[in-house]
């Protein structure tokens, strides 16, 4: 297993991070525990969750159940110190948590207290803002994204309030480090500038979507990572399962994510199937499993700290874990570059 530094901290996280968002809906508590045990046996030390999980579907009734699955594992195993644990506070507009209240010092206090109780721990290693109050271009919102209504002074006041709140929780020992999610380059830089100016905690990571099919991070965000050492924690490195080969235009396995969310969060388009076919052809040409090829490719990216994956079965999990030591040849990488140029922005 490859371990990489989390931002400018002294934490070394596994290059693959175990995602948890299916635990409590698509997966039972026992299945979640089994996934954690298998992952740790294969060198994973990093687990990511969020207060709003599980997903597929998202409901008010199940909100928080994923953290409780992890908390029961911690209680049962006694292995809290064997994992680096990340969670997130939900942001503005998500009605299932605090009726959609925006992130603030007040909501962070409530959310963090609830998460610590659910996770059965006194601290989290990485506490992330799930998305900005001002909005985000992630989740296919890039097609209509318009920041012209944003107020920079209002945003700065909000950021300072949040940083001061997080600073208090860090000093109290409830949080070790802080990070972002679904953020832009401008947003990330403002968080960093304000932290430096006011002597407040520095954001160490950003969790955005990234895969062979979704490469918005490749330009400005990549440059930010290079100069600021705020590394990417990529979610959906298999494009919500689309890079597994299990889906087709008229092919949806029973119990799969697509059987619950038909468009996979806007990822199903007419352009996506030819793109998937092109990546499958690269895998076939070089005798590779498309899942393992896609995961291994993520680790070749210079801005990648850890790729967050999810699985709904131990068989799927084992396939992903076996990709940890896969090294892609220059020929494979060239063919993947060609496929990307032929099929850019498929959703």
Protein backbone atom coordinates (compact mmCIF):
# COMPACT_ATOMS: atom_id res chain seq x y z
CA UNK A 1 0.00 0.00 0.00
CA UNK A 2 1.17 3.48 -0.88
CA UNK A 3 0.76 6.12 1.85
CA UNK A 4 0.66 9.82 1.09
CA UNK A 5 0.94 12.92 3.25
CA UNK A 6 -2.34 14.68 4.01
CA UNK A 7 -1.65 18.29 3.06
CA UNK A 8 1.11 19.75 5.21
CA UNK A 9 0.21 17.58 8.21
CA UNK A 10 2.12 14.68 9.68
CA UNK A 11 -0.68 12.24 8.79
CA UNK A 12 0.09 9.60 6.17
CA UNK A 13 -3.09 8.26 4.58
CA UNK A 14 -3.52 5.24 2.35
CA UNK A 15 -3.73 6.08 -1.35
CA UNK A 16 -7.10 4.31 -1.40
CA UNK A 17 -9.72 5.53 1.07
CA UNK A 18 -12.71 3.41 2.09
CA UNK A 19 -15.95 5.21 1.35
CA UNK A 20 -18.99 4.38 3.43
CA UNK A 21 -22.08 5.99 1.95
CA UNK A 22 -23.92 2.71 1.27
CA UNK A 23 -23.75 1.51 4.87
CA UNK A 24 -27.25 1.71 6.27
CA UNK A 25 -29.15 1.44 2.98
CA UNK A 26 -27.53 -0.82 0.40
CA UNK A 27 -25.36 -2.44 3.07
CA UNK A 28 -26.17 -3.71 6.55
CA UNK A 29 -24.19 -2.89 9.68
CA UNK A 30 -22.52 -6.31 9.55
CA UNK A 31 -21.54 -5.80 5.92
CA UNK A 32 -20.08 -2.39 6.74
CA UNK A 33 -18.02 -3.93 9.54
CA UNK A 34 -16.79 -6.67 7.20
CA UNK A 35 -15.70 -4.06 4.65
CA UNK A 36 -13.72 -2.17 7.27
CA UNK A 37 -12.02 -5.35 8.49
CA UNK A 38 -11.07 -6.46 4.98
CA UNK A 39 -9.80 -3.00 4.05
CA UNK A 40 -7.61 -2.75 7.13
CA UNK A 41 -6.22 -6.21 6.40
CA UNK A 42 -5.14 -4.85 2.99
CA UNK A 43 -3.41 -1.76 4.36
CA UNK A 44 -6.21 0.81 4.17
CA UNK A 45 -6.05 3.22 7.10
CA UNK A 46 -8.38 5.96 5.84
CA UNK A 47 -12.21 5.94 6.11
CA UNK A 48 -14.46 8.71 4.81
CA UNK A 49 -18.05 9.38 5.82
CA UNK A 50 -20.50 12.27 6.30
CA UNK A 51 -23.29 13.21 8.65
CA UNK A 52 -25.84 13.06 5.78
CA UNK A 53 -25.00 9.45 4.81
CA UNK A 54 -26.23 6.87 3.83
CA UNK A 55 -27.22 7.66 0.26
CA UNK A 56 -29.20 5.68 -2.30
CA UNK A 57 -31.62 6.91 -1.22
CA UNK A 58 -31.00 9.94 0.98
CA UNK A 59 -33.71 10.24 3.64
CA UNK A 60 -34.27 12.09 6.89
CA UNK A 61 -35.04 8.78 8.60
CA UNK A 62 -31.68 7.17 7.77
CA UNK A 63 -29.49 10.29 8.07
CA UNK A 64 -26.58 9.52 10.36
CA UNK A 65 -26.88 5.74 10.13
CA UNK A 66 -23.56 5.39 8.29
CA UNK A 67 -21.66 7.15 11.06
CA UNK A 68 -23.42 4.86 13.54
CA UNK A 69 -22.22 1.79 11.63
CA UNK A 70 -18.65 3.04 11.95
CA UNK A 71 -19.25 3.90 15.60
CA UNK A 72 -20.45 0.41 16.40
CA UNK A 73 -17.37 -1.02 14.66
CA UNK A 74 -15.13 1.20 16.77
CA UNK A 75 -16.91 0.09 19.93
CA UNK A 76 -16.77 -3.58 18.97
CA UNK A 77 -13.20 -3.66 17.67
CA UNK A 78 -11.47 -1.14 19.92
CA UNK A 79 -9.37 -0.13 16.90
CA UNK A 80 -10.06 3.63 16.74
CA UNK A 81 -6.33 4.41 16.63
CA UNK A 82 -5.84 2.14 13.62
CA UNK A 83 -7.87 4.40 11.35
CA UNK A 84 -7.74 7.96 10.08
CA UNK A 85 -11.38 9.02 10.18
CA UNK A 86 -12.92 11.78 8.05
CA UNK A 87 -16.46 13.12 8.14
CA UNK A 88 -18.32 16.17 6.84
CA UNK A 89 -20.81 18.81 7.94
CA UNK A 90 -23.74 19.25 5.54
CA UNK A 91 -24.26 22.60 3.87
CA UNK A 92 -26.94 25.01 2.81
CA UNK A 93 -30.12 23.65 1.27
CA UNK A 94 -30.01 19.99 2.31
CA UNK A 95 -33.40 19.70 3.98
CA UNK A 96 -32.80 16.33 5.66
CA UNK A 97 -30.26 17.89 8.04
CA UNK A 98 -31.20 20.92 10.16
CA UNK A 99 -33.88 21.83 7.57
CA UNK A 100 -31.23 23.05 5.14
CA UNK A 101 -29.46 25.52 7.44
CA UNK A 102 -26.18 26.88 6.02
CA UNK A 103 -22.81 26.06 7.54
CA UNK A 104 -22.08 28.34 10.48
CA UNK A 105 -20.42 28.22 13.88
CA UNK A 106 -23.76 27.17 15.35
CA UNK A 107 -24.43 24.34 12.89
CA UNK A 108 -20.84 23.08 13.15
CA UNK A 109 -21.25 22.76 16.93
CA UNK A 110 -24.44 20.74 16.48
CA UNK A 111 -23.15 18.63 13.59
CA UNK A 112 -19.79 17.82 15.15
CA UNK A 113 -21.34 16.87 18.49
CA UNK A 114 -23.79 14.55 16.73
CA UNK A 115 -21.07 13.01 14.58
CA UNK A 116 -18.76 12.34 17.51
CA UNK A 117 -21.60 10.62 19.35
CA UNK A 118 -22.59 8.57 16.30
CA UNK A 119 -18.99 7.62 15.55
CA UNK A 120 -18.34 6.67 19.17
CA UNK A 121 -15.16 8.72 19.28
CA UNK A 122 -13.81 11.83 20.98
CA UNK A 123 -12.28 13.29 17.81
CA UNK A 124 -12.23 13.14 14.04
CA UNK A 125 -8.96 13.29 12.13
CA UNK A 126 -10.37 15.30 9.21
CA UNK A 127 -13.49 17.46 9.39
CA UNK A 128 -14.73 18.66 6.00
CA UNK A 129 -17.24 21.24 4.76
CA UNK A 130 -19.43 19.16 2.45
CA UNK A 131 -20.09 22.02 0.01
CA UNK A 132 -19.82 25.82 0.12
CA UNK A 133 -22.69 27.96 1.34
CA UNK A 134 -22.32 30.11 -1.77
CA UNK A 135 -22.90 27.12 -4.06
CA UNK A 136 -20.76 24.78 -6.13
CA UNK A 137 -20.24 23.79 -9.74
CA UNK A 138 -19.89 20.11 -8.82
CA UNK A 139 -22.56 17.44 -9.49
CA UNK A 140 -23.19 18.60 -13.06
CA UNK A 141 -23.97 22.15 -11.94
CA UNK A 142 -20.99 23.28 -14.04
CA UNK A 143 -23.25 23.41 -17.11
CA UNK A 144 -25.25 26.32 -15.70
CA UNK A 145 -22.92 27.63 -12.99
CA UNK A 146 -23.23 31.41 -12.43
CA UNK A 147 -21.27 32.98 -9.55
CA UNK A 148 -22.26 36.54 -10.46
CA UNK A 149 -24.66 36.79 -7.51
CA UNK A 150 -22.00 35.99 -4.91
CA UNK A 151 -21.00 38.67 -2.40
CA UNK A 152 -17.27 38.45 -1.64
CA UNK A 153 -17.49 40.43 1.62
CA UNK A 154 -20.32 38.22 2.89
CA UNK A 155 -18.38 35.12 1.88
CA UNK A 156 -15.26 36.33 3.68
CA UNK A 157 -17.22 37.05 6.87
CA UNK A 158 -18.68 33.54 6.71
CA UNK A 159 -15.27 31.96 6.15
CA UNK A 160 -13.78 33.78 9.13
CA UNK A 161 -16.68 32.72 11.34
CA UNK A 162 -16.22 29.09 10.30
CA UNK A 163 -12.43 29.13 10.66
CA UNK A 164 -12.69 30.62 14.15
CA UNK A 165 -15.25 27.98 15.09
CA UNK A 166 -13.11 25.15 13.73
CA UNK A 167 -10.07 26.60 15.50
CA UNK A 168 -11.92 26.32 18.80
CA UNK A 169 -12.81 22.68 18.15
CA UNK A 170 -9.22 21.88 17.17
CA UNK A 171 -7.92 23.45 20.37
CA UNK A 172 -10.52 21.45 22.31
CA UNK A 173 -9.17 18.23 20.75
CA UNK A 174 -12.38 17.38 18.87
CA UNK A 175 -10.85 17.86 15.38
CA UNK A 176 -7.29 17.28 14.22
CA UNK A 177 -7.42 18.81 10.73
CA UNK A 178 -9.93 20.48 8.40
CA UNK A 179 -10.73 20.15 4.73
CA UNK A 180 -13.06 21.17 1.94
CA UNK A 181 -15.36 19.36 -0.45
CA UNK A 182 -16.98 20.35 -3.74
CA UNK A 183 -14.86 23.53 -3.76
CA UNK A 184 -13.41 25.74 -6.48
CA UNK A 185 -9.93 27.16 -6.87
CA UNK A 186 -11.03 30.65 -5.83
CA UNK A 187 -12.84 29.30 -2.79
CA UNK A 188 -9.91 27.15 -1.70
CA UNK A 189 -7.48 30.03 -2.04
CA UNK A 190 -9.68 32.37 -0.01
CA UNK A 191 -9.84 29.83 2.83
CA UNK A 192 -6.04 29.56 2.74
CA UNK A 193 -5.41 33.29 2.56
CA UNK A 194 -7.74 34.08 5.44
CA UNK A 195 -6.24 31.32 7.57
CA UNK A 196 -2.73 32.67 7.00
CA UNK A 197 -3.74 36.30 7.57
CA UNK A 198 -5.54 35.61 10.85
CA UNK A 199 -3.45 32.75 12.23
CA UNK A 200 -6.28 30.23 11.85
CA UNK A 201 -6.26 26.53 10.84
CA UNK A 202 -5.32 25.70 7.27
CA UNK A 203 -7.42 23.54 4.97
CA UNK A 204 -5.39 20.40 4.21
CA UNK A 205 -7.46 18.72 1.47
CA UNK A 206 -10.33 19.11 -0.93
CA UNK A 207 -12.76 16.31 -1.78
CA UNK A 208 -14.08 16.70 -5.33
CA UNK A 209 -15.32 14.24 -7.92
CA UNK A 210 -12.60 12.84 -10.16
CA UNK A 211 -12.37 9.87 -12.52
CA UNK A 212 -11.55 9.02 -16.11
CA UNK A 213 -15.01 10.37 -16.95
CA UNK A 214 -14.90 13.51 -14.78
CA UNK A 215 -11.70 15.53 -15.00
CA UNK A 216 -12.65 19.06 -13.89
CA UNK A 217 -9.71 19.00 -11.43
CA UNK A 218 -7.06 18.78 -14.15
CA UNK A 219 -6.40 22.50 -14.63
CA UNK A 220 -6.80 25.26 -12.01
CA UNK A 221 -7.35 22.94 -9.06
CA UNK A 222 -4.31 20.89 -10.04
CA UNK A 223 -2.19 24.05 -10.07
CA UNK A 224 -3.53 25.02 -6.64
CA UNK A 225 -2.55 21.59 -5.25
CA UNK A 226 0.94 21.89 -6.67
CA UNK A 227 1.65 25.23 -5.02
CA UNK A 228 -0.40 24.96 -1.82
CA UNK A 229 -0.16 21.22 -0.98
CA UNK A 230 -3.93 20.92 -0.57
CA UNK A 231 -4.32 17.46 -2.07
CA UNK A 232 -7.32 15.90 -3.78
CA UNK A 233 -9.42 13.25 -2.07
CA UNK A 234 -11.34 12.09 -5.12
CA UNK A 235 -14.85 10.74 -4.77
CA UNK A 236 -16.52 8.55 -7.40
CA UNK A 237 -13.23 7.37 -9.00
CA UNK A 238 -15.31 4.68 -10.71
CA UNK A 239 -17.94 7.22 -11.81
CA UNK A 240 -20.66 5.80 -9.55
CA UNK A 241 -19.94 2.31 -10.91
CA UNK A 242 -20.03 3.29 -14.57
CA UNK A 243 -16.36 2.29 -14.92
CA UNK A 244 -17.09 -1.19 -13.62
CA UNK A 245 -18.60 -2.61 -16.81
CA UNK A 246 -21.82 -3.54 -15.02
CA UNK A 247 -23.98 -0.89 -16.69
CA UNK A 248 -25.12 -0.41 -20.26
CA UNK A 249 -27.78 1.67 -22.00
CA UNK A 250 -30.31 -1.06 -21.20
CA UNK A 251 -28.39 -2.91 -18.49
CA UNK A 252 -29.01 -2.19 -14.80
CA UNK A 253 -28.26 -4.91 -12.23
CA UNK A 254 -30.89 -5.38 -9.56
CA UNK A 255 -29.95 -3.67 -6.30
CA UNK A 256 -27.31 -1.50 -7.95
CA UNK A 257 -27.05 2.24 -7.44
CA UNK A 258 -28.60 2.89 -10.85
CA UNK A 259 -31.62 0.80 -9.89
CA UNK A 260 -32.24 3.35 -7.13
CA UNK A 261 -31.03 6.53 -8.87
CA UNK A 262 -31.81 6.05 -12.54
CA UNK A 263 -29.58 8.79 -13.98
CA UNK A 264 -26.76 8.29 -11.46
CA UNK A 265 -26.84 11.93 -10.46
CA UNK A 266 -26.82 13.23 -14.02
CA UNK A 267 -24.01 10.98 -15.20
CA UNK A 268 -26.17 9.09 -17.72
CA UNK A 269 -25.95 10.87 -21.07
CA UNK A 270 -25.83 9.78 -24.69
CA UNK A 271 -22.13 10.65 -24.74
CA UNK A 272 -21.13 8.55 -21.76
CA UNK A 273 -21.60 5.10 -23.30
CA UNK A 274 -19.09 5.60 -26.15
CA UNK A 275 -16.62 6.99 -23.59
CA UNK A 276 -17.02 3.94 -21.36
CA UNK A 277 -16.61 1.69 -24.40
CA UNK A 278 -13.34 3.47 -25.24
CA UNK A 279 -11.94 2.91 -21.75
CA UNK A 280 -13.13 -0.70 -21.76
CA UNK A 281 -11.30 -1.17 -25.07
CA UNK A 282 -8.07 0.11 -23.46
CA UNK A 283 -8.48 -2.32 -20.59
CA UNK A 284 -9.19 -5.21 -22.97
CA UNK A 285 -6.24 -4.34 -25.20
CA UNK A 286 -3.82 -4.50 -22.27
CA UNK A 287 -5.43 -7.42 -20.42
CA UNK A 288 -6.61 -5.28 -17.51
CA UNK A 289 -9.72 -5.19 -15.38
CA UNK A 290 -11.43 -1.84 -16.05
CA UNK A 291 -12.11 -1.28 -12.33
CA UNK A 292 -8.48 -1.85 -11.39
CA UNK A 293 -7.22 0.18 -14.35
CA UNK A 294 -9.47 3.12 -13.44
CA UNK A 295 -8.41 3.08 -9.80
CA UNK A 296 -4.72 2.70 -10.60
CA UNK A 297 -4.92 5.57 -13.09
CA UNK A 298 -6.23 7.89 -10.38
CA UNK A 299 -3.09 7.23 -8.36
CA UNK A 300 -0.90 8.36 -11.26
CA UNK A 301 -2.27 11.90 -11.07
CA UNK A 302 0.23 14.28 -9.44
CA UNK A 303 -2.39 16.01 -7.29
CA UNK A 304 -3.97 12.84 -5.88
CA UNK A 305 -3.74 12.24 -2.15
CA UNK A 306 -6.32 9.45 -1.89
CA UNK A 307 -9.04 7.98 -4.09
CA UNK A 308 -12.25 7.33 -2.14
CA UNK A 309 -14.03 4.21 -3.36
CA UNK A 310 -17.19 2.41 -2.32
CA UNK A 311 -18.37 -1.17 -2.66
CA UNK A 312 -21.57 -3.02 -1.90
CA UNK A 313 -20.04 -6.50 -1.71
CA UNK A 314 -16.82 -8.03 -0.46
CA UNK A 315 -16.17 -9.33 -3.96
CA UNK A 316 -16.28 -5.79 -5.35
CA UNK A 317 -14.12 -4.60 -2.48
CA UNK A 318 -11.49 -7.28 -3.11
CA UNK A 319 -11.28 -6.33 -6.80
CA UNK A 320 -10.57 -2.72 -5.87
CA UNK A 321 -8.09 -3.57 -3.13
CA UNK A 322 -6.15 -5.75 -5.56
CA UNK A 323 -5.54 -2.63 -7.69
CA UNK A 324 -3.38 -1.00 -5.00
CA UNK A 325 -0.10 -2.22 -6.43
CA UNK A 326 -1.05 -2.09 -10.11
CA UNK A 327 1.37 0.02 -12.13
CA UNK A 328 0.12 1.16 -15.52
CA UNK A 329 2.59 1.11 -18.38
CA UNK A 330 3.35 4.14 -20.53
CA UNK A 331 1.44 2.47 -23.36
CA UNK A 332 -1.68 2.18 -21.20
CA UNK A 333 -1.39 5.80 -20.10
CA UNK A 334 -1.03 6.97 -23.70
CA UNK A 335 -4.09 5.01 -24.74
CA UNK A 336 -6.07 6.47 -21.82
CA UNK A 337 -5.01 9.97 -22.85
CA UNK A 338 -6.20 9.28 -26.39
CA UNK A 339 -9.56 8.01 -25.14
CA UNK A 340 -9.95 11.15 -23.02
CA UNK A 341 -9.20 13.46 -25.95
CA UNK A 342 -11.74 11.60 -28.06
CA UNK A 343 -14.40 11.66 -25.33
CA UNK A 344 -13.98 14.79 -23.19
CA UNK A 345 -16.62 15.83 -20.66
CA UNK A 346 -19.05 12.94 -21.33
CA UNK A 347 -21.41 14.18 -18.57
